[in-house]
PDB file of N, CA and C in Angstrom:
ATOM      1  N   MET A   1      13.805   9.964   3.304  1.00  0.00           N
ATOM      2  CA  MET A   1      12.780   9.316   2.177  1.00  0.00           C
ATOM      3  C   MET A   1      12.465   7.959   2.473  1.00  0.00           C
ATOM      4  N   GLN A   2      10.854   7.664   1.945  1.00  0.00           N
ATOM      5  CA  GLN A   2       9.912   6.876   2.827  1.00  0.00           C
ATOM      6  C   GLN A   2      10.286   5.298   2.236  1.00  0.00           C
ATOM      7  N   ALA A   3       9.841   4.850   2.690  1.00  0.00           N
ATOM      8  CA  ALA A   3      10.319   3.080   1.890  1.00  0.00           C
ATOM      9  C   ALA A   3       9.575   2.742   1.059  1.00  0.00           C
ATOM     10  N   GLY A   4       7.885   3.819   0.779  1.00  0.00           N
ATOM     11  CA  GLY A   4       7.575   2.795  -0.543  1.00  0.00           C
ATOM     12  C   GLY A   4       8.267   3.642  -1.774  1.00  0.00           C
ATOM     13  N   ILE A   5       9.256   4.477  -1.754  1.00  0.00           N
ATOM     14  CA  ILE A   5       9.524   5.199  -2.638  1.00  0.00           C
ATOM     15  C   ILE A   5      10.663   4.802  -3.655  1.00  0.00           C
ATOM     16  N   GLY A   6      10.791   4.357  -4.779  1.00  0.00           N
ATOM     17  CA  GLY A   6      11.184   3.902  -5.348  1.00  0.00           C
ATOM     18  C   GLY A   6      12.887   4.971  -5.755  1.00  0.00           C
ATOM     19  N   PRO A   7      13.560   4.039  -6.341  1.00  0.00           N
ATOM     20  CA  PRO A   7      14.931   4.873  -6.898  1.00  0.00           C
ATOM     21  C   PRO A   7      14.525   6.569  -7.838  1.00  0.00           C
ATOM     22  N   THR A   8      13.391   6.042  -8.757  1.00  0.00           N
ATOM     23  CA  THR A   8      13.252   6.692  -9.544  1.00  0.00           C
ATOM     24  C   THR A   8      11.945   8.021  -8.710  1.00  0.00           C
ATOM     25  N   GLY A   9      11.576   7.956  -7.763  1.00  0.00           N
ATOM     26  CA  GLY A   9      10.582   9.036  -7.019  1.00  0.00           C
ATOM     27  C   GLY A   9       9.580   8.542  -7.338  1.00  0.00           C
ATOM     28  N   ARG A  10       9.143   7.064  -7.829  1.00  0.00           N
ATOM     29  CA  ARG A  10       7.492   6.735  -8.162  1.00  0.00           C
ATOM     30  C   ARG A  10       7.156   5.992  -6.788  1.00  0.00           C
ATOM     31  N   PRO A  11       6.242   5.995  -6.441  1.00  0.00           N
ATOM     32  CA  PRO A  11       6.038   4.754  -5.446  1.00  0.00           C
ATOM     33  C   PRO A  11       5.382   3.290  -5.851  1.00  0.00           C
ATOM     34  N   TYR A  12       6.096   2.487  -4.959  1.00  0.00           N
ATOM     35  CA  TYR A  12       6.086   1.135  -5.571  1.00  0.00           C
ATOM     36  C   TYR A  12       4.630   0.846  -5.379  1.00  0.00           C
ATOM     37  N   GLN A  13       3.956   0.174  -6.560  1.00  0.00           N
ATOM     38  CA  GLN A  13       2.889  -0.143  -6.570  1.00  0.00           C
ATOM     39  C   GLN A  13       2.318  -1.377  -6.103  1.00  0.00           C
ATOM     40  N   ILE A  14       1.119  -1.709  -5.718  1.00  0.00           N
ATOM     41  CA  ILE A  14       0.960  -3.207  -4.707  1.00  0.00           C
ATOM     42  C   ILE A  14      -0.256  -3.428  -4.844  1.00  0.00           C
ATOM     43  N   LEU A  15      -0.644  -4.646  -4.939  1.00  0.00           N
ATOM     44  CA  LEU A  15      -1.995  -5.253  -5.038  1.00  0.00           C
ATOM     45  C   LEU A  15      -1.885  -6.263  -3.705  1.00  0.00           C
ATOM     46  N   ILE A  16      -3.010  -5.652  -3.217  1.00  0.00           N
ATOM     47  CA  ILE A  16      -3.325  -6.831  -2.048  1.00  0.00           C
ATOM     48  C   ILE A  16      -4.106  -8.157  -2.035  1.00  0.00           C
ATOM     49  N   ALA A  17      -4.054  -8.879  -2.186  1.00  0.00           N
ATOM     50  CA  ALA A  17      -5.308  -9.930  -1.770  1.00  0.00           C
ATOM     51  C   ALA A  17      -5.243 -10.684  -0.276  1.00  0.00           C
ATOM     52  N   GLU A  18      -6.257 -10.217  -0.019  1.00  0.00           N
ATOM     53  CA  GLU A  18      -6.758 -10.824   1.763  1.00  0.00           C
ATOM     54  C   GLU A  18      -8.376 -10.741   1.575  1.00  0.00           C
ATOM     55  N   ASN A  19      -8.512 -11.752   2.223  1.00  0.00           N
ATOM     56  CA  ASN A  19     -10.073 -11.644   2.633  1.00  0.00           C
ATOM     57  C   ASN A  19     -10.979 -11.281   3.686  1.00  0.00           C
ATOM     58  N   SER A  20     -10.368 -11.092   4.165  1.00  0.00           N
ATOM     59  CA  SER A  20     -10.243 -10.040   5.969  1.00  0.00           C
ATOM     60  C   SER A  20     -10.614  -8.672   5.339  1.00  0.00           C
ATOM     61  N   LYS A  21     -11.161  -8.498   5.206  1.00  0.00           N
ATOM     62  CA  LYS A  21     -11.821  -6.477   5.203  1.00  0.00           C
ATOM     63  C   LYS A  21     -11.017  -5.950   6.190  1.00  0.00           C
ATOM     64  N   PHE A  22     -10.968  -6.434   7.305  1.00  0.00           N
ATOM     65  CA  PHE A  22     -10.219  -5.779   8.534  1.00  0.00           C
ATOM     66  C   PHE A  22      -8.945  -5.783   8.049  1.00  0.00           C
ATOM     67  N   GLN A  23      -8.435  -7.120   7.834  1.00  0.00           N
ATOM     68  CA  GLN A  23      -7.266  -7.042   7.638  1.00  0.00           C
ATOM     69  C   GLN A  23      -6.455  -6.253   6.770  1.00  0.00           C
ATOM     70  N   SER A  24      -7.340  -6.264   5.785  1.00  0.00           N
ATOM     71  CA  SER A  24      -7.090  -5.841   4.184  1.00  0.00           C
ATOM     72  C   SER A  24      -6.670  -3.874   4.748  1.00  0.00           C
ATOM     73  N   LYS A  25      -7.730  -3.779   4.934  1.00  0.00           N
ATOM     74  CA  LYS A  25      -7.802  -2.302   5.396  1.00  0.00           C
ATOM     75  C   LYS A  25      -6.390  -1.843   6.369  1.00  0.00           C
ATOM     76  N   GLN A  26      -5.917  -2.555   7.554  1.00  0.00           N
ATOM     77  CA  GLN A  26      -5.118  -2.455   8.155  1.00  0.00           C
ATOM     78  C   GLN A  26      -3.348  -2.422   7.252  1.00  0.00           C
ATOM     79  N   LEU A  27      -3.780  -3.258   6.495  1.00  0.00           N
ATOM     80  CA  LEU A  27      -2.383  -3.238   5.867  1.00  0.00           C
ATOM     81  C   LEU A  27      -2.099  -2.334   4.647  1.00  0.00           C
ATOM     82  N   GLN A  28      -3.231  -2.018   4.473  1.00  0.00           N
ATOM     83  CA  GLN A  28      -3.524  -0.815   3.156  1.00  0.00           C
ATOM     84  C   GLN A  28      -2.991   0.875   3.641  1.00  0.00           C
ATOM     85  N   GLN A  29      -3.890   0.936   5.125  1.00  0.00           N
ATOM     86  CA  GLN A  29      -3.134   1.991   5.939  1.00  0.00           C
ATOM     87  C   GLN A  29      -1.645   1.770   6.197  1.00  0.00           C
ATOM     88  N   ILE A  30      -1.181   0.389   6.293  1.00  0.00           N
ATOM     89  CA  ILE A  30       0.358   1.196   6.917  1.00  0.00           C
ATOM     90  C   ILE A  30       0.701   1.046   6.092  1.00  0.00           C
ATOM     91  N   LEU A  31       1.346   0.299   4.869  1.00  0.00           N
ATOM     92  CA  LEU A  31       1.855   0.366   3.672  1.00  0.00           C
ATOM     93  C   LEU A  31       1.533   1.641   2.656  1.00  0.00           C
ATOM     94  N   GLU A  32       0.596   2.748   3.168  1.00  0.00           N
ATOM     95  CA  GLU A  32       0.629   3.837   2.358  1.00  0.00           C
ATOM     96  C   GLU A  32       1.061   4.969   3.658  1.00  0.00           C
ATOM     97  N   SER A  33       0.728   4.733   4.611  1.00  0.00           N
ATOM     98  CA  SER A  33       2.014   5.534   5.400  1.00  0.00           C
ATOM     99  C   SER A  33       3.312   5.135   5.039  1.00  0.00           C
ATOM    100  N   GLU A  34       3.308   4.468   4.643  1.00  0.00           N
ATOM    101  CA  GLU A  34       5.338   4.567   4.523  1.00  0.00           C
ATOM    102  C   GLU A  34       5.342   4.859   2.941  1.00  0.00           C
ATOM    103  N   GLY A  35       4.453   5.173   2.288  1.00  0.00           N
ATOM    104  CA  GLY A  35       4.496   5.646   0.709  1.00  0.00           C
ATOM    105  C   GLY A  35       4.434   5.206  -0.119  1.00  0.00           C
ATOM    106  N   PHE A  36       3.832   3.612   0.117  1.00  0.00           N
ATOM    107  CA  PHE A  36       3.565   2.780  -0.967  1.00  0.00           C
ATOM    108  C   PHE A  36       1.596   2.772  -1.778  1.00  0.00           C
ATOM    109  N   LYS A  37       1.742   2.778  -3.104  1.00  0.00           N
ATOM    110  CA  LYS A  37       0.584   3.198  -3.705  1.00  0.00           C
ATOM    111  C   LYS A  37      -0.083   1.722  -3.587  1.00  0.00           C
ATOM    112  N   ILE A  38      -1.671   1.554  -3.237  1.00  0.00           N
ATOM    113  CA  ILE A  38      -2.016   0.326  -3.262  1.00  0.00           C
ATOM    114  C   ILE A  38      -3.245   0.396  -4.853  1.00  0.00           C
ATOM    115  N   ILE A  39      -2.594  -0.300  -5.830  1.00  0.00           N
ATOM    116  CA  ILE A  39      -3.377  -0.464  -7.076  1.00  0.00           C
ATOM    117  C   ILE A  39      -4.767  -0.956  -6.682  1.00  0.00           C
ATOM    118  N   GLY A  40      -5.059  -2.075  -5.759  1.00  0.00           N
ATOM    119  CA  GLY A  40      -6.056  -2.642  -5.691  1.00  0.00           C
ATOM    120  C   GLY A  40      -6.436  -3.551  -4.700  1.00  0.00           C
ATOM    121  N   ILE A  41      -7.396  -3.673  -4.027  1.00  0.00           N
ATOM    122  CA  ILE A  41      -7.920  -4.948  -3.225  1.00  0.00           C
ATOM    123  C   ILE A  41      -8.592  -6.000  -3.394  1.00  0.00           C
ATOM    124  N   ALA A  42      -8.210  -7.374  -3.351  1.00  0.00           N
ATOM    125  CA  ALA A  42      -8.962  -8.110  -3.769  1.00  0.00           C
ATOM    126  C   ALA A  42      -9.453  -9.265  -2.398  1.00  0.00           C
ATOM    127  N   GLU A  43     -10.717  -9.806  -2.715  1.00  0.00           N
ATOM    128  CA  GLU A  43     -11.033 -10.730  -1.386  1.00  0.00           C
ATOM    129  C   GLU A  43     -11.450 -11.653  -1.866  1.00  0.00           C
ATOM    130  N   THR A  44     -10.866 -12.250  -3.542  1.00  0.00           N
ATOM    131  CA  THR A  44     -11.374 -13.020  -3.773  1.00  0.00           C
ATOM    132  C   THR A  44     -10.010 -13.687  -4.485  1.00  0.00           C
ATOM    133  N   GLY A  45      -9.887 -14.891  -4.886  1.00  0.00           N
ATOM    134  CA  GLY A  45      -8.856 -15.340  -5.900  1.00  0.00           C
ATOM    135  C   GLY A  45      -9.039 -15.492  -7.497  1.00  0.00           C
ATOM    136  N   LYS A  46     -10.262 -14.799  -7.887  1.00  0.00           N
ATOM    137  CA  LYS A  46     -10.654 -14.557  -9.114  1.00  0.00           C
ATOM    138  C   LYS A  46     -10.671 -13.078  -9.601  1.00  0.00           C
ATOM    139  N   GLU A  47     -10.852 -12.387  -7.939  1.00  0.00           N
ATOM    140  CA  GLU A  47     -10.482 -11.113  -8.368  1.00  0.00           C
ATOM    141  C   GLU A  47      -9.319 -10.883  -8.565  1.00  0.00           C
ATOM    142  N   LEU A  48      -8.423 -11.038  -7.472  1.00  0.00           N
ATOM    143  CA  LEU A  48      -6.952 -11.238  -7.587  1.00  0.00           C
ATOM    144  C   LEU A  48      -6.246 -11.533  -8.614  1.00  0.00           C
ATOM    145  N   LEU A  49      -6.848 -12.467  -9.629  1.00  0.00           N
ATOM    146  CA  LEU A  49      -6.260 -12.747 -11.216  1.00  0.00           C
ATOM    147  C   LEU A  49      -7.030 -11.609 -11.964  1.00  0.00           C
ATOM    148  N   LYS A  50      -8.022 -11.453 -11.830  1.00  0.00           N
ATOM    149  CA  LYS A  50      -8.639 -10.155 -12.562  1.00  0.00           C
ATOM    150  C   LYS A  50      -7.845  -9.010 -12.327  1.00  0.00           C
ATOM    151  N   LEU A  51      -7.615  -8.299 -11.121  1.00  0.00           N
ATOM    152  CA  LEU A  51      -6.651  -7.416 -11.218  1.00  0.00           C
ATOM    153  C   LEU A  51      -5.584  -7.970 -11.599  1.00  0.00           C
ATOM    154  N   TYR A  52      -4.680  -8.632 -11.182  1.00  0.00           N
ATOM    155  CA  TYR A  52      -3.679  -9.179 -11.589  1.00  0.00           C
ATOM    156  C   TYR A  52      -3.202  -8.729 -13.177  1.00  0.00           C
ATOM    157  N   LYS A  53      -4.208  -8.841 -13.945  1.00  0.00           N
ATOM    158  CA  LYS A  53      -4.038  -9.293 -15.567  1.00  0.00           C
ATOM    159  C   LYS A  53      -4.215  -8.106 -15.856  1.00  0.00           C
ATOM    160  N   GLU A  54      -4.860  -6.881 -15.310  1.00  0.00           N
ATOM    161  CA  GLU A  54      -5.763  -5.330 -15.328  1.00  0.00           C
ATOM    162  C   GLU A  54      -4.407  -4.918 -15.373  1.00  0.00           C
ATOM    163  N   HIS A  55      -3.091  -5.128 -14.043  1.00  0.00           N
ATOM    164  CA  HIS A  55      -2.754  -3.814 -13.740  1.00  0.00           C
ATOM    165  C   HIS A  55      -1.179  -4.557 -13.939  1.00  0.00           C
ATOM    166  N   ARG A  56      -0.700  -5.635 -14.597  1.00  0.00           N
ATOM    167  CA  ARG A  56       0.365  -6.407 -14.037  1.00  0.00           C
ATOM    168  C   ARG A  56       1.897  -5.461 -14.178  1.00  0.00           C
ATOM    169  N   GLN A  57       1.578  -5.088 -15.872  1.00  0.00           N
ATOM    170  CA  GLN A  57       2.600  -3.786 -16.182  1.00  0.00           C
ATOM    171  C   GLN A  57       2.967  -2.943 -15.096  1.00  0.00           C
ATOM    172  N   GLN A  58       2.415  -2.557 -14.235  1.00  0.00           N
ATOM    173  CA  GLN A  58       2.530  -1.382 -13.287  1.00  0.00           C
ATOM    174  C   GLN A  58       2.770  -1.545 -12.030  1.00  0.00           C
ATOM    175  N   LEU A  59       2.293  -3.551 -11.760  1.00  0.00           N
ATOM    176  CA  LEU A  59       2.564  -3.599 -10.002  1.00  0.00           C
ATOM    177  C   LEU A  59       4.556  -3.854  -9.970  1.00  0.00           C
ATOM    178  N   ASP A  60       4.681  -3.416  -8.682  1.00  0.00           N
ATOM    179  CA  ASP A  60       6.000  -4.083  -8.283  1.00  0.00           C
ATOM    180  C   ASP A  60       6.078  -5.250  -6.972  1.00  0.00           C
ATOM    181  N   LEU A  61       4.321  -5.380  -6.771  1.00  0.00           N
ATOM    182  CA  LEU A  61       4.616  -6.459  -5.306  1.00  0.00           C
ATOM    183  C   LEU A  61       3.147  -6.350  -5.788  1.00  0.00           C
ATOM    184  N   VAL A  62       2.640  -8.325  -5.360  1.00  0.00           N
ATOM    185  CA  VAL A  62       1.488  -8.613  -4.591  1.00  0.00           C
ATOM    186  C   VAL A  62       1.927  -9.382  -3.442  1.00  0.00           C
ATOM    187  N   THR A  63       0.867  -9.308  -2.417  1.00  0.00           N
ATOM    188  CA  THR A  63       0.474  -9.547  -1.365  1.00  0.00           C
ATOM    189  C   THR A  63      -0.542 -10.784  -1.554  1.00  0.00           C
ATOM    190  N   ILE A  64      -0.205 -11.702  -0.895  1.00  0.00           N
ATOM    191  CA  ILE A  64      -1.008 -12.545  -1.470  1.00  0.00           C
ATOM    192  C   ILE A  64      -1.476 -13.605   0.106  1.00  0.00           C
ATOM    193  N   GLU A  65      -2.903 -14.015   0.576  1.00  0.00           N
ATOM    194  CA  GLU A  65      -3.717 -14.455   1.499  1.00  0.00           C
ATOM    195  C   GLU A  65      -4.014 -15.900   1.224  1.00  0.00           C
ATOM    196  N   ILE A  66      -3.152 -17.024   1.547  1.00  0.00           N
ATOM    197  CA  ILE A  66      -3.152 -18.456   0.872  1.00  0.00           C
ATOM    198  C   ILE A  66      -4.521 -18.803   0.982  1.00  0.00           C
ATOM    199  N   PHE A  67      -5.224 -18.539   1.826  1.00  0.00           N
ATOM    200  CA  PHE A  67      -6.718 -19.085   2.066  1.00  0.00           C
ATOM    201  C   PHE A  67      -7.406 -18.245   1.438  1.00  0.00           C
ATOM    202  N   LEU A  68      -7.779 -18.306   0.663  1.00  0.00           N
ATOM    203  CA  LEU A  68      -8.503 -16.945  -0.829  1.00  0.00           C
ATOM    204  C   LEU A  68      -9.837 -17.694  -0.742  1.00  0.00           C
ATOM    205  N   PRO A  69     -10.758 -17.431  -1.107  1.00  0.00           N
ATOM    206  CA  PRO A  69     -11.989 -18.358  -1.644  1.00  0.00           C
ATOM    207  C   PRO A  69     -12.287 -18.034  -3.292  1.00  0.00           C
ATOM    208  N   GLU A  70     -12.506 -19.597  -3.684  1.00  0.00           N
ATOM    209  CA  GLU A  70     -12.669 -19.703  -5.305  1.00  0.00           C
ATOM    210  C   GLU A  70     -11.567 -20.415  -5.619  1.00  0.00           C
ATOM    211  N   VAL A  71     -10.730 -19.522  -5.720  1.00  0.00           N
ATOM    212  CA  VAL A  71      -8.854 -19.769  -6.106  1.00  0.00           C
ATOM    213  C   VAL A  71      -7.940 -19.372  -4.447  1.00  0.00           C
ATOM    214  N   ASP A  72      -7.327 -20.485  -4.206  1.00  0.00           N
ATOM    215  CA  ASP A  72      -6.539 -20.280  -3.109  1.00  0.00           C
ATOM    216  C   ASP A  72      -5.268 -19.406  -3.457  1.00  0.00           C
ATOM    217  N   GLY A  73      -4.899 -18.980  -2.624  1.00  0.00           N
ATOM    218  CA  GLY A  73      -3.723 -18.098  -2.963  1.00  0.00           C
ATOM    219  C   GLY A  73      -2.309 -19.041  -3.525  1.00  0.00           C
ATOM    220  N   TYR A  74      -1.817 -20.370  -3.432  1.00  0.00           N
ATOM    221  CA  TYR A  74      -1.314 -20.904  -4.093  1.00  0.00           C
ATOM    222  C   TYR A  74      -1.481 -21.135  -5.777  1.00  0.00           C
ATOM    223  N   ALA A  75      -2.478 -21.474  -5.991  1.00  0.00           N
ATOM    224  CA  ALA A  75      -3.149 -21.431  -7.491  1.00  0.00           C
ATOM    225  C   ALA A  75      -2.674 -20.082  -8.180  1.00  0.00           C
ATOM    226  N   ALA A  76      -3.863 -19.248  -7.331  1.00  0.00           N
ATOM    227  CA  ALA A  76      -3.526 -17.956  -7.843  1.00  0.00           C
ATOM    228  C   ALA A  76      -1.987 -17.587  -8.223  1.00  0.00           C
ATOM    229  N   PHE A  77      -1.240 -17.780  -7.181  1.00  0.00           N
ATOM    230  CA  PHE A  77       0.254 -17.275  -7.781  1.00  0.00           C
ATOM    231  C   PHE A  77       0.972 -18.283  -8.777  1.00  0.00           C
ATOM    232  N   TRP A  78       0.539 -19.788  -9.230  1.00  0.00           N
ATOM    233  CA  TRP A  78       1.246 -20.208 -10.402  1.00  0.00           C
ATOM    234  C   TRP A  78      -0.012 -19.910 -11.260  1.00  0.00           C
ATOM    235  N   ASP A  79      -1.017 -19.046 -11.522  1.00  0.00           N
ATOM    236  CA  ASP A  79      -1.690 -18.772 -12.731  1.00  0.00           C
ATOM    237  C   ASP A  79      -0.690 -17.303 -13.192  1.00  0.00           C
ATOM    238  N   MET A  80      -0.326 -16.448 -11.817  1.00  0.00           N
ATOM    239  CA  MET A  80       0.032 -15.461 -11.921  1.00  0.00           C
ATOM    240  C   MET A  80       1.559 -15.624 -12.928  1.00  0.00           C
ATOM    241  N   LYS A  81       2.124 -16.325 -12.640  1.00  0.00           N
ATOM    242  CA  LYS A  81       3.604 -17.350 -13.067  1.00  0.00           C
ATOM    243  C   LYS A  81       3.402 -16.995 -14.677  1.00  0.00           C
TER     244      LYS A  81
END
């Protein structure tokens, strides 16, 4: 059984917030190889908040880079809470 598959057999769904395209692609490849499903990748805090609002009912995990442009990771976290 893969790490990214939940008890129901459905893959855990993740939103990635990372301002480096290289690092977000690496993280996406690692997570997908373990069975996780990537819902979206945000490069800025504003994109993160928009994607979160669109998909929050289906998300299981959000990874957040602290130093995001426009809205930093801390502020985005508090807005999502």
